[in-house]
Structure formats: structure tokens, C-alpha cells
């Protein structure tokens, strides 16, 4: 007897209810944080292009810390090496949750966002290298256009008042999470200066202790906060970028709550859930906006903007974000769907995926961070930062045009997803039985 052919999975279909609740909670905070991020970036740009620009430069160059521990840093470096560690800690927790409980736990379902993210990193890098090779520039900035800024992207959606279905938002979030992991691996491997092996060994030992405390179900912030600070400080002094410590600790936190075996009480929430609930507002509302405030202040004079489109390095960044990211994410998604025989949600079209791919070209936060690490020449660094801003704005504008024209369809799907006639806080679409389907 022949087996029945396997039914192709639905891509961008209705999310499971637990997954949808988790995604909605994450995106709600990130959207608010994205608006704060836009405000902080606007303040930085305006401040850096006024007669008070010298005060801006002086403020971000103010140093403080503990010199004896190698931690006498400027405000700019405290925000990029310190506060962004909180951002990457939350990203590490999100990745762990996706691997254990979310889209990435199922290899077949994980294939699409993972391949989309990988292509969305590889193609922009290729576009950048092709551009600088043609213009005689340096390949040092190949990693700048590779990452997606989820907060900025969600802020654009909020400003547009779009009603993207939850599946499209979840797909964008998963692509951004994989992007963040790729970015931190690139930073760790390619942007590490001379290694201080004793400090690196101490940081790794701290991470091992962190893991053991998690395995032993040890609770209490007084264990983890001092240990986390020590891991971060040792990682910073090791020569590896300090934000790597954030992702590592996020990945080590338990994402599944303890059911209460072997005499232990049942946990209402896992350590990862409790930590991300506490830190996500700090990351989205404080850490990332402060980083933007001290990183986005670049000159936007006519000559500087001219350099963005004439010098090969800035031009490579713009083309990488706008063209490379859009083509990479869309082509990767389409090829993965063909390879896995996934069937696109019949209520959507590939034009919706293309609009989402354009939105992924917003690479603000991590792109600025990598731009700082990639170039030694401060003038070139400023031009590349300007290119990140210009490229992200062009990508946002392109995505706005593509997604806004489909908003009528999104609004209908969004309303269908959220009908709750019995007012029990669970949409009716999740309570239908097989006989209810038309």
C-alpha cells in the first residue's frame, strides 16, 4: 500500500496561540522602544549639525570608570560596549526561546527564516565587496550592511499604522534574531583585537559557573548580577567585543520552566522569561536609544552626503542595505520555500514577502556598531555611519511604499485574527474545531 503524499506545510499561516502571545509581547515592547530609538537618533543628528556640535563631541568623549580594572571608557564606549550588552543579552534569550519553544525548534519550519537570514547576510556583504572592488575601496566594512534592526523596523510599521498579520511580524522577528546571532559571531571572529588569554579564560570560567548555577536551579539575582558583570568585564579586557558576553549568557539561561520534578517546586516562569520580562524594556527603551544618541550624531552636510554616493565604502553600505538585503532575504525565502515544498498562505502573496525583505534593510543599531569596529580612519567611519542612516531611511521608504499599498488586505486578515465574540481573551479563530472550517 502506497503512503499518502506528504501535505506541504503552510508558510506564513496562522501562528500557534502560545507562539503568537510570546511574539506579541516581544513586539509590543520593541515597537515602543523603536519609536524612542528614532527620537534619540533624530536628537543626535540635529545636535551634531548645530553650532553646539562641539559640545556633543565633548560629551561623548567624557571618560569615567575604574582604570585599575581596564574600564576607563568614554561615554560612547560605555554605550556601545556596556549598554549594548543588555541588547545582545535579550537577543540571546530570544534566540534560545526560538530554539527551545519557538519557530526554530522544528527543523522544517526553521529552514525558511534561517535560510532567509543567512542569504540576507551573505548577499549584502557580496554587494558591498563588489562595490568597493569596482571603486578601489577597502573591503573592511563588508559586515556593516548585514544585520536587521528590529526596533527601527517596527517603529516604521507603527508610524505607517500597518496591520501586518502576526505571522509576517513573527517571520521578521525570527530573521532579525538569527541576524543578531550572525552579527555577534562576526564581531567575535573578525573584529577581535589581540587576545588577553588569562582574561578570556576567566570569562569562559565565569560562563561555565553561570551554566552550572542554571543547571542546579540556583535562583537569586545576587548570584547572577555580580557574576554577569565579572563575565562582561573579563570579556572586554580579553580583546573580544564585550557584547559577546551578553549573547553567551542569554543562550545559557533556561528557556523552559521547571515542572517541579525531584522535590523542586513548579516554576511559573523560566529564568529566561523572568529575565527578558525585566530587561527588554531596559534594552528597548534605554540601552539602544542611548547607543543611538551617541553613535548617530554624524555630519549631514552636502559634502558629507555627496561622499555617501561617491566613495566606494559608503556607497557599498547603502547598496548592501537597500539592494543586497532585499534581494537576499526575498531570494532566500523563495528558494527555501521551493526546497521545503512549503505552500505560501493563500491570503498573502510573494509581494508581501518582498516588502518584508525591504524592511529588513533597516540595519541601524548593529550596523553602526560594526561600522565603528571596521574602520580606523575617523573620517571614513563618519561617512560610513552617514551611509547606514541614509541606507536605512531608503530601505524604510521602499518598505513603506510596498507594504502600505497592501494594508487593506493586512487589515482584513488582522481583524479576522482578532475577533473574540465570547470575550474570553482568546481569538475565536483559535477555538474553531475541524467542523467549523469552511
Protein backbone atom coordinates (compact mmCIF):
# COMPACT_ATOMS: atom_id res chain seq x y z
CA UNK A 1 0.00 0.00 0.00
CA UNK A 2 1.45 3.35 -1.03
CA UNK A 3 1.83 6.05 1.58
CA UNK A 4 -0.18 9.20 1.03
CA UNK A 5 1.88 12.09 -0.28
CA UNK A 6 3.02 14.47 2.46
CA UNK A 7 0.91 17.62 2.60
CA UNK A 8 3.11 20.71 2.07
CA UNK A 9 3.37 22.98 5.10
CA UNK A 10 1.83 26.45 5.03
CA UNK A 11 4.31 29.31 5.10
CA UNK A 12 3.15 32.47 6.94
CA UNK A 13 0.00 30.71 8.12
CA UNK A 14 -1.73 31.15 11.47
CA UNK A 15 0.71 31.02 14.39
CA UNK A 16 0.04 28.66 17.31
CA UNK A 17 -1.62 30.63 20.13
CA UNK A 18 1.29 30.35 22.66
CA UNK A 19 3.75 31.46 19.99
CA UNK A 20 1.53 34.35 18.97
CA UNK A 21 1.23 35.59 22.57
CA UNK A 22 5.02 35.46 23.02
CA UNK A 23 5.63 37.29 19.73
CA UNK A 24 3.00 39.94 20.52
CA UNK A 25 4.57 40.64 23.91
CA UNK A 26 8.04 40.95 22.39
CA UNK A 27 6.94 43.17 19.52
CA UNK A 28 4.87 45.46 21.76
CA UNK A 29 7.94 46.48 23.77
CA UNK A 30 10.21 46.63 20.73
CA UNK A 31 7.76 48.89 18.89
CA UNK A 32 7.67 51.42 21.73
CA UNK A 33 11.45 51.15 22.01
CA UNK A 34 11.76 51.70 18.27
CA UNK A 35 9.91 54.99 18.50
CA UNK A 36 12.23 56.07 21.34
CA UNK A 37 15.17 54.97 19.17
CA UNK A 38 14.00 57.15 16.29
CA UNK A 39 13.66 60.14 18.63
CA UNK A 40 17.16 59.56 20.07
CA UNK A 41 18.68 59.25 16.59
CA UNK A 42 16.92 62.44 15.46
CA UNK A 43 18.25 64.32 18.52
CA UNK A 44 21.78 63.08 17.79
CA UNK A 45 21.60 64.14 14.14
CA UNK A 46 20.20 67.56 14.93
CA UNK A 47 22.66 68.15 17.78
CA UNK A 48 25.67 67.11 15.69
CA UNK A 49 24.69 69.53 12.92
CA UNK A 50 24.15 72.65 15.01
CA UNK A 51 26.58 75.25 16.41
CA UNK A 52 26.64 73.11 19.58
CA UNK A 53 28.23 70.13 17.78
CA UNK A 54 31.46 70.57 19.77
CA UNK A 55 29.50 70.08 23.00
CA UNK A 56 28.10 66.83 21.57
CA UNK A 57 31.59 65.58 20.70
CA UNK A 58 32.93 66.61 24.11
CA UNK A 59 30.11 64.86 25.95
CA UNK A 60 30.52 61.52 24.21
CA UNK A 61 34.30 61.68 24.77
CA UNK A 62 33.96 62.09 28.56
CA UNK A 63 35.78 59.20 30.31
CA UNK A 64 34.89 57.52 33.59
CA UNK A 65 35.19 54.08 35.16
CA UNK A 66 37.76 52.05 37.06
CA UNK A 67 41.19 52.41 35.37
CA UNK A 68 42.75 49.71 37.58
CA UNK A 69 40.35 47.17 36.03
CA UNK A 70 40.91 48.41 32.48
CA UNK A 71 37.46 50.01 32.43
CA UNK A 72 38.20 53.71 31.96
CA UNK A 73 35.89 54.25 28.98
CA UNK A 74 34.28 57.16 27.19
CA UNK A 75 30.51 57.58 27.30
CA UNK A 76 30.40 56.48 23.65
CA UNK A 77 32.21 53.24 24.52
CA UNK A 78 30.13 52.63 27.66
CA UNK A 79 27.02 52.71 25.47
CA UNK A 80 28.45 50.51 22.69
CA UNK A 81 30.35 48.01 24.86
CA UNK A 82 28.24 48.21 28.01
CA UNK A 83 24.61 49.07 27.31
CA UNK A 84 24.52 47.13 24.03
CA UNK A 85 25.46 44.04 26.04
CA UNK A 86 21.96 44.24 27.52
CA UNK A 87 20.55 44.38 23.98
CA UNK A 88 22.54 41.30 22.96
CA UNK A 89 21.61 39.52 26.20
CA UNK A 90 17.95 39.93 25.26
CA UNK A 91 18.77 38.79 21.71
CA UNK A 92 20.47 35.69 23.12
CA UNK A 93 17.42 34.91 25.24
CA UNK A 94 15.14 35.37 22.21
CA UNK A 95 17.31 33.01 20.17
CA UNK A 96 17.26 30.42 22.99
CA UNK A 97 13.48 30.70 23.23
CA UNK A 98 13.14 30.26 19.46
CA UNK A 99 15.37 27.18 19.57
CA UNK A 100 13.57 25.59 22.52
CA UNK A 101 9.96 26.74 22.20
CA UNK A 102 9.54 28.78 19.02
CA UNK A 103 9.90 28.59 15.25
CA UNK A 104 13.47 27.26 15.29
CA UNK A 105 12.73 24.14 17.36
CA UNK A 106 11.28 22.41 14.28
CA UNK A 107 13.96 21.98 11.58
CA UNK A 108 11.42 22.04 8.76
CA UNK A 109 9.80 25.27 9.97
CA UNK A 110 13.17 26.78 10.92
CA UNK A 111 14.57 26.31 7.42
CA UNK A 112 12.74 29.29 5.91
CA UNK A 113 13.66 32.07 8.36
CA UNK A 114 17.19 30.70 8.85
CA UNK A 115 17.93 30.46 5.13
CA UNK A 116 16.31 33.87 4.60
CA UNK A 117 18.50 35.37 7.32
CA UNK A 118 21.69 33.72 6.03
CA UNK A 119 21.04 34.91 2.47
CA UNK A 120 20.12 38.30 3.93
CA UNK A 121 23.61 38.46 5.45
CA UNK A 122 25.60 36.96 2.57
CA UNK A 123 24.15 38.99 -0.32
CA UNK A 124 24.65 42.44 1.29
CA UNK A 125 28.26 41.51 2.08
CA UNK A 126 28.75 40.43 -1.55
CA UNK A 127 27.17 43.66 -2.84
CA UNK A 128 29.47 45.70 -0.60
CA UNK A 129 32.60 43.79 -1.72
CA UNK A 130 31.58 44.11 -5.38
CA UNK A 131 31.07 47.87 -4.97
CA UNK A 132 34.39 48.55 -3.24
CA UNK A 133 36.23 46.30 -5.68
CA UNK A 134 34.85 48.33 -8.59
CA UNK A 135 35.65 51.63 -6.85
CA UNK A 136 39.05 50.73 -5.41
CA UNK A 137 37.92 50.92 -1.76
CA UNK A 138 38.72 48.83 1.30
CA UNK A 139 36.81 45.59 1.97
CA UNK A 140 36.99 46.17 5.75
CA UNK A 141 33.31 47.15 6.02
CA UNK A 142 31.83 44.05 4.40
CA UNK A 143 29.87 43.17 7.56
CA UNK A 144 28.27 46.61 8.06
CA UNK A 145 25.11 46.05 5.94
CA UNK A 146 24.42 42.53 7.21
CA UNK A 147 22.13 42.99 10.24
CA UNK A 148 18.45 43.97 10.61
CA UNK A 149 17.36 46.44 13.29
CA UNK A 150 14.05 45.01 14.50
CA UNK A 151 13.23 48.01 16.74
CA UNK A 152 13.70 50.52 13.91
CA UNK A 153 11.68 48.31 11.53
CA UNK A 154 8.80 48.01 13.99
CA UNK A 155 8.87 51.75 14.60
CA UNK A 156 8.40 52.25 10.85
CA UNK A 157 5.41 49.89 10.94
CA UNK A 158 3.99 51.82 13.89
CA UNK A 159 4.37 55.15 12.08
CA UNK A 160 2.71 53.68 8.98
CA UNK A 161 -0.15 52.22 11.10
CA UNK A 162 0.06 48.98 9.13
CA UNK A 163 -1.86 45.90 10.27
CA UNK A 164 0.65 43.21 9.35
CA UNK A 165 -0.64 39.73 10.27
CA UNK A 166 1.14 38.16 13.24
CA UNK A 167 2.82 35.54 11.01
CA UNK A 168 4.59 38.25 8.97
CA UNK A 169 5.72 40.05 12.12
CA UNK A 170 6.93 36.77 13.66
CA UNK A 171 8.88 35.94 10.49
CA UNK A 172 10.56 39.37 10.59
CA UNK A 173 11.39 38.90 14.28
CA UNK A 174 12.92 35.45 13.69
CA UNK A 175 15.02 36.71 10.77
CA UNK A 176 16.25 39.59 12.95
CA UNK A 177 17.11 37.22 15.83
CA UNK A 178 19.18 34.98 13.52
CA UNK A 179 20.76 38.15 12.07
CA UNK A 180 21.77 39.26 15.57
CA UNK A 181 23.45 35.90 16.24
CA UNK A 182 25.29 36.14 12.92
CA UNK A 183 26.39 39.68 13.76
CA UNK A 184 27.77 38.75 17.16
CA UNK A 185 29.65 35.76 15.67
CA UNK A 186 31.15 38.07 13.03
CA UNK A 187 32.14 40.58 15.71
CA UNK A 188 33.73 37.82 17.82
CA UNK A 189 35.64 36.21 14.95
CA UNK A 190 36.59 39.11 12.66
CA UNK A 191 36.73 42.14 14.95
CA UNK A 192 38.73 40.77 17.85
CA UNK A 193 41.99 42.55 18.54
CA UNK A 194 44.96 40.99 20.36
CA UNK A 195 43.72 38.35 22.77
CA UNK A 196 44.37 38.53 26.51
CA UNK A 197 44.19 34.80 27.22
CA UNK A 198 44.00 35.00 31.05
CA UNK A 199 41.07 37.43 30.84
CA UNK A 200 39.38 35.29 28.17
CA UNK A 201 39.91 32.19 30.30
CA UNK A 202 38.39 33.96 33.30
CA UNK A 203 35.36 34.99 31.25
CA UNK A 204 34.87 31.43 29.98
CA UNK A 205 35.20 30.11 33.54
CA UNK A 206 32.53 32.60 34.60
CA UNK A 207 30.25 31.34 31.83
CA UNK A 208 30.79 27.74 32.98
CA UNK A 209 29.82 28.75 36.53
CA UNK A 210 26.79 30.59 35.11
CA UNK A 211 25.77 27.37 33.30
CA UNK A 212 26.22 25.24 36.42
CA UNK A 213 24.10 27.61 38.50
CA UNK A 214 21.35 27.28 35.88
CA UNK A 215 21.62 23.50 35.82
CA UNK A 216 21.43 23.38 39.63
CA UNK A 217 18.31 25.62 39.56
CA UNK A 218 20.01 28.26 41.73
CA UNK A 219 17.82 31.37 41.96
CA UNK A 220 18.52 34.89 43.19
CA UNK A 221 19.77 37.98 41.39
CA UNK A 222 22.61 38.33 43.94
CA UNK A 223 24.28 35.32 42.28
CA UNK A 224 23.84 36.33 38.66
CA UNK A 225 24.28 40.13 38.59
CA UNK A 226 27.82 40.19 40.10
CA UNK A 227 28.77 37.13 38.05
CA UNK A 228 27.39 38.70 34.85
CA UNK A 229 29.28 41.95 35.45
CA UNK A 230 32.50 39.98 36.07
CA UNK A 231 32.00 37.94 32.87
CA UNK A 232 31.39 41.16 30.89
CA UNK A 233 34.45 42.95 32.35
CA UNK A 234 36.74 39.98 31.67
CA UNK A 235 35.37 39.61 28.15
CA UNK A 236 36.01 43.31 27.49
CA UNK A 237 39.61 43.02 28.73
CA UNK A 238 40.18 39.83 26.73
CA UNK A 239 40.08 41.69 23.40
CA UNK A 240 36.82 40.00 22.33
CA UNK A 241 34.00 42.52 21.99
CA UNK A 242 32.17 42.69 25.31
CA UNK A 243 28.71 42.24 23.76
CA UNK A 244 29.63 38.59 23.06
CA UNK A 245 29.23 38.03 26.81
CA UNK A 246 25.61 39.16 26.59
CA UNK A 247 24.65 36.67 23.89
CA UNK A 248 26.51 33.86 25.68
CA UNK A 249 24.69 34.46 28.98
CA UNK A 250 21.35 34.76 27.18
CA UNK A 251 21.90 31.40 25.48
CA UNK A 252 22.77 29.75 28.81
CA UNK A 253 19.59 30.83 30.61
CA UNK A 254 16.96 28.10 30.85
CA UNK A 255 14.07 28.83 28.48
CA UNK A 256 11.72 26.08 29.70
CA UNK A 257 10.22 26.36 33.18
CA UNK A 258 10.78 23.62 35.75
CA UNK A 259 7.73 21.36 36.11
CA UNK A 260 8.65 20.55 39.72
CA UNK A 261 10.37 17.17 39.48
CA UNK A 262 12.63 15.69 42.19
CA UNK A 263 11.10 17.65 45.03
CA UNK A 264 11.54 21.07 43.39
CA UNK A 265 8.52 23.40 43.28
CA UNK A 266 7.00 24.09 39.89
CA UNK A 267 8.16 27.33 38.27
CA UNK A 268 5.54 29.75 36.96
CA UNK A 269 8.11 31.18 34.55
CA UNK A 270 11.56 30.12 33.38
CA UNK A 271 14.69 32.17 34.19
CA UNK A 272 14.79 33.30 30.56
CA UNK A 273 11.18 34.52 30.73
CA UNK A 274 11.74 36.38 34.01
CA UNK A 275 14.97 37.96 32.76
CA UNK A 276 13.62 39.06 29.40
CA UNK A 277 10.50 40.48 31.08
CA UNK A 278 12.77 42.61 33.27
CA UNK A 279 15.42 43.55 30.71
CA UNK A 280 13.53 44.01 27.43
CA UNK A 281 12.08 47.41 28.44
CA UNK A 282 15.56 48.48 29.60
CA UNK A 283 17.10 47.26 26.34
CA UNK A 284 14.47 48.77 24.04
CA UNK A 285 13.75 51.94 25.99
CA UNK A 286 17.16 52.87 27.43
CA UNK A 287 20.15 50.87 26.15
CA UNK A 288 19.54 51.04 22.38
CA UNK A 289 18.28 54.68 22.34
CA UNK A 290 21.31 55.83 24.37
CA UNK A 291 23.61 53.98 21.99
CA UNK A 292 21.86 55.73 19.08
CA UNK A 293 22.17 59.09 20.83
CA UNK A 294 25.96 58.79 20.98
CA UNK A 295 26.52 56.87 17.73
CA UNK A 296 24.17 58.52 15.23
CA UNK A 297 25.49 62.07 15.54
CA UNK A 298 27.17 62.47 12.15
CA UNK A 299 27.52 65.39 9.76
CA UNK A 300 24.83 65.52 7.09
CA UNK A 301 26.28 68.43 5.13
CA UNK A 302 26.01 68.43 1.35
CA UNK A 303 29.65 67.35 1.02
CA UNK A 304 29.21 64.50 3.51
CA UNK A 305 26.07 63.26 1.75
CA UNK A 306 27.93 63.52 -1.54
CA UNK A 307 30.60 61.19 -0.16
CA UNK A 308 27.90 58.64 0.68
CA UNK A 309 27.11 58.23 -3.02
CA UNK A 310 30.59 58.80 -4.45
CA UNK A 311 33.05 56.97 -2.17
CA UNK A 312 33.02 53.18 -2.60
CA UNK A 313 32.76 52.21 1.10
CA UNK A 314 29.68 54.32 1.99
CA UNK A 315 28.07 53.52 -1.37
CA UNK A 316 28.68 49.81 -0.75
CA UNK A 317 26.89 50.11 2.59
CA UNK A 318 23.87 51.87 1.05
CA UNK A 319 23.60 49.35 -1.81
CA UNK A 320 24.15 46.47 0.60
CA UNK A 321 21.28 47.57 2.85
CA UNK A 322 18.81 48.60 0.16
CA UNK A 323 19.55 46.15 -2.67
CA UNK A 324 21.53 43.35 -1.05
CA UNK A 325 19.30 42.89 1.97
CA UNK A 326 16.06 43.00 -0.02
CA UNK A 327 17.28 40.58 -2.69
CA UNK A 328 18.98 38.30 -0.16
CA UNK A 329 16.03 37.88 2.22
CA UNK A 330 13.47 37.54 -0.59
CA UNK A 331 15.53 35.12 -2.71
CA UNK A 332 16.49 33.07 0.34
CA UNK A 333 12.85 32.79 1.40
CA UNK A 334 11.64 31.85 -2.08
CA UNK A 335 14.36 29.24 -2.56
CA UNK A 336 13.77 27.77 0.90
CA UNK A 337 10.03 27.53 0.22
CA UNK A 338 10.73 25.73 -3.05
CA UNK A 339 13.24 23.41 -1.38
CA UNK A 340 10.94 22.52 1.54
CA UNK A 341 7.80 22.45 -0.65
CA UNK A 342 6.17 24.97 1.67
CA UNK A 343 2.93 26.49 0.39
CA UNK A 344 2.52 30.25 0.84
CA UNK A 345 -0.53 31.30 2.84
CA UNK A 346 -3.22 31.75 0.14
CA UNK A 347 -4.32 35.03 1.75
CA UNK A 348 -0.86 36.50 1.09
CA UNK A 349 1.38 36.95 -1.97
CA UNK A 350 5.10 36.93 -2.59
CA UNK A 351 4.84 40.71 -2.89
CA UNK A 352 4.25 40.73 0.88
CA UNK A 353 7.49 38.82 1.44
CA UNK A 354 9.29 41.28 -0.84
CA UNK A 355 8.00 44.22 1.22
CA UNK A 356 9.15 42.49 4.40
CA UNK A 357 12.57 41.87 2.80
CA UNK A 358 12.86 45.58 2.05
CA UNK A 359 12.02 46.34 5.68
CA UNK A 360 14.89 44.04 6.72
CA UNK A 361 17.24 46.51 5.01
CA UNK A 362 16.96 48.78 8.06
CA UNK A 363 20.28 47.97 9.72
CA UNK A 364 20.69 50.83 12.15
CA UNK A 365 21.98 49.68 15.57
CA UNK A 366 24.29 46.75 14.77
CA UNK A 367 25.41 48.35 11.50
CA UNK A 368 26.58 51.44 13.39
CA UNK A 369 28.38 49.22 15.91
CA UNK A 370 30.20 47.22 13.20
CA UNK A 371 30.99 50.44 11.32
CA UNK A 372 32.80 51.71 14.41
CA UNK A 373 34.78 48.47 14.67
CA UNK A 374 35.60 48.04 10.97
CA UNK A 375 37.32 51.33 10.13
CA UNK A 376 40.32 53.06 11.70
CA UNK A 377 40.04 56.35 9.80
CA UNK A 378 37.58 58.54 11.79
CA UNK A 379 36.53 60.48 8.68
CA UNK A 380 35.71 57.30 6.79
CA UNK A 381 33.89 55.98 9.88
CA UNK A 382 31.68 59.08 9.92
CA UNK A 383 30.91 58.67 6.20
CA UNK A 384 30.00 55.01 6.72
CA UNK A 385 27.74 55.96 9.65
CA UNK A 386 26.04 58.50 7.40
CA UNK A 387 25.64 55.73 4.81
CA UNK A 388 23.98 53.49 7.41
CA UNK A 389 21.48 56.25 8.18
CA UNK A 390 20.82 57.01 4.51
CA UNK A 391 20.55 53.32 3.56
CA UNK A 392 18.21 52.57 6.46
CA UNK A 393 15.98 55.53 5.56
CA UNK A 394 15.84 54.48 1.88
CA UNK A 395 15.01 50.90 2.91
CA UNK A 396 12.30 52.22 5.25
CA UNK A 397 10.82 54.35 2.49
CA UNK A 398 10.84 51.47 -0.01
CA UNK A 399 9.22 49.13 2.53
CA UNK A 400 6.61 51.79 3.34
CA UNK A 401 5.59 52.03 -0.32
CA UNK A 402 5.43 48.25 -0.74
CA UNK A 403 3.58 47.45 2.49
CA UNK A 404 1.22 50.42 2.65
CA UNK A 405 -0.39 49.56 -0.69
CA UNK A 406 -1.30 46.12 0.72
CA UNK A 407 -2.59 47.45 4.03
CA UNK A 408 -6.24 46.84 3.12
CA UNK A 409 -5.52 43.11 2.88
CA UNK A 410 -3.47 43.19 6.09
CA UNK A 411 -6.28 45.00 7.92
CA UNK A 412 -8.83 42.32 6.90
CA UNK A 413 -6.54 39.47 7.99
CA UNK A 414 -5.68 41.26 11.23
CA UNK A 415 -9.36 41.77 12.06
CA UNK A 416 -10.15 38.11 11.32
CA UNK A 417 -7.30 37.03 13.57
CA UNK A 418 -8.56 39.16 16.48
CA UNK A 419 -12.31 38.52 16.53
CA UNK A 420 -13.24 37.50 20.09
CA UNK A 421 -17.04 37.33 20.26
CA UNK A 422 -17.16 35.44 23.56
CA UNK A 423 -14.70 37.93 25.16
CA UNK A 424 -12.50 35.24 26.73
CA UNK A 425 -9.20 36.87 25.61
CA UNK A 426 -8.60 34.08 23.07
CA UNK A 427 -9.45 34.95 19.43
CA UNK A 428 -12.24 32.81 18.02
CA UNK A 429 -10.01 31.59 15.19
CA UNK A 430 -8.08 29.53 17.76
CA UNK A 431 -11.25 27.90 19.13
CA UNK A 432 -12.66 26.56 15.92
CA UNK A 433 -12.90 22.83 15.53
CA UNK A 434 -12.42 20.95 12.25
CA UNK A 435 -16.15 21.16 11.50
CA UNK A 436 -16.02 24.96 11.74
CA UNK A 437 -13.65 25.36 8.82
CA UNK A 438 -15.31 26.40 5.61
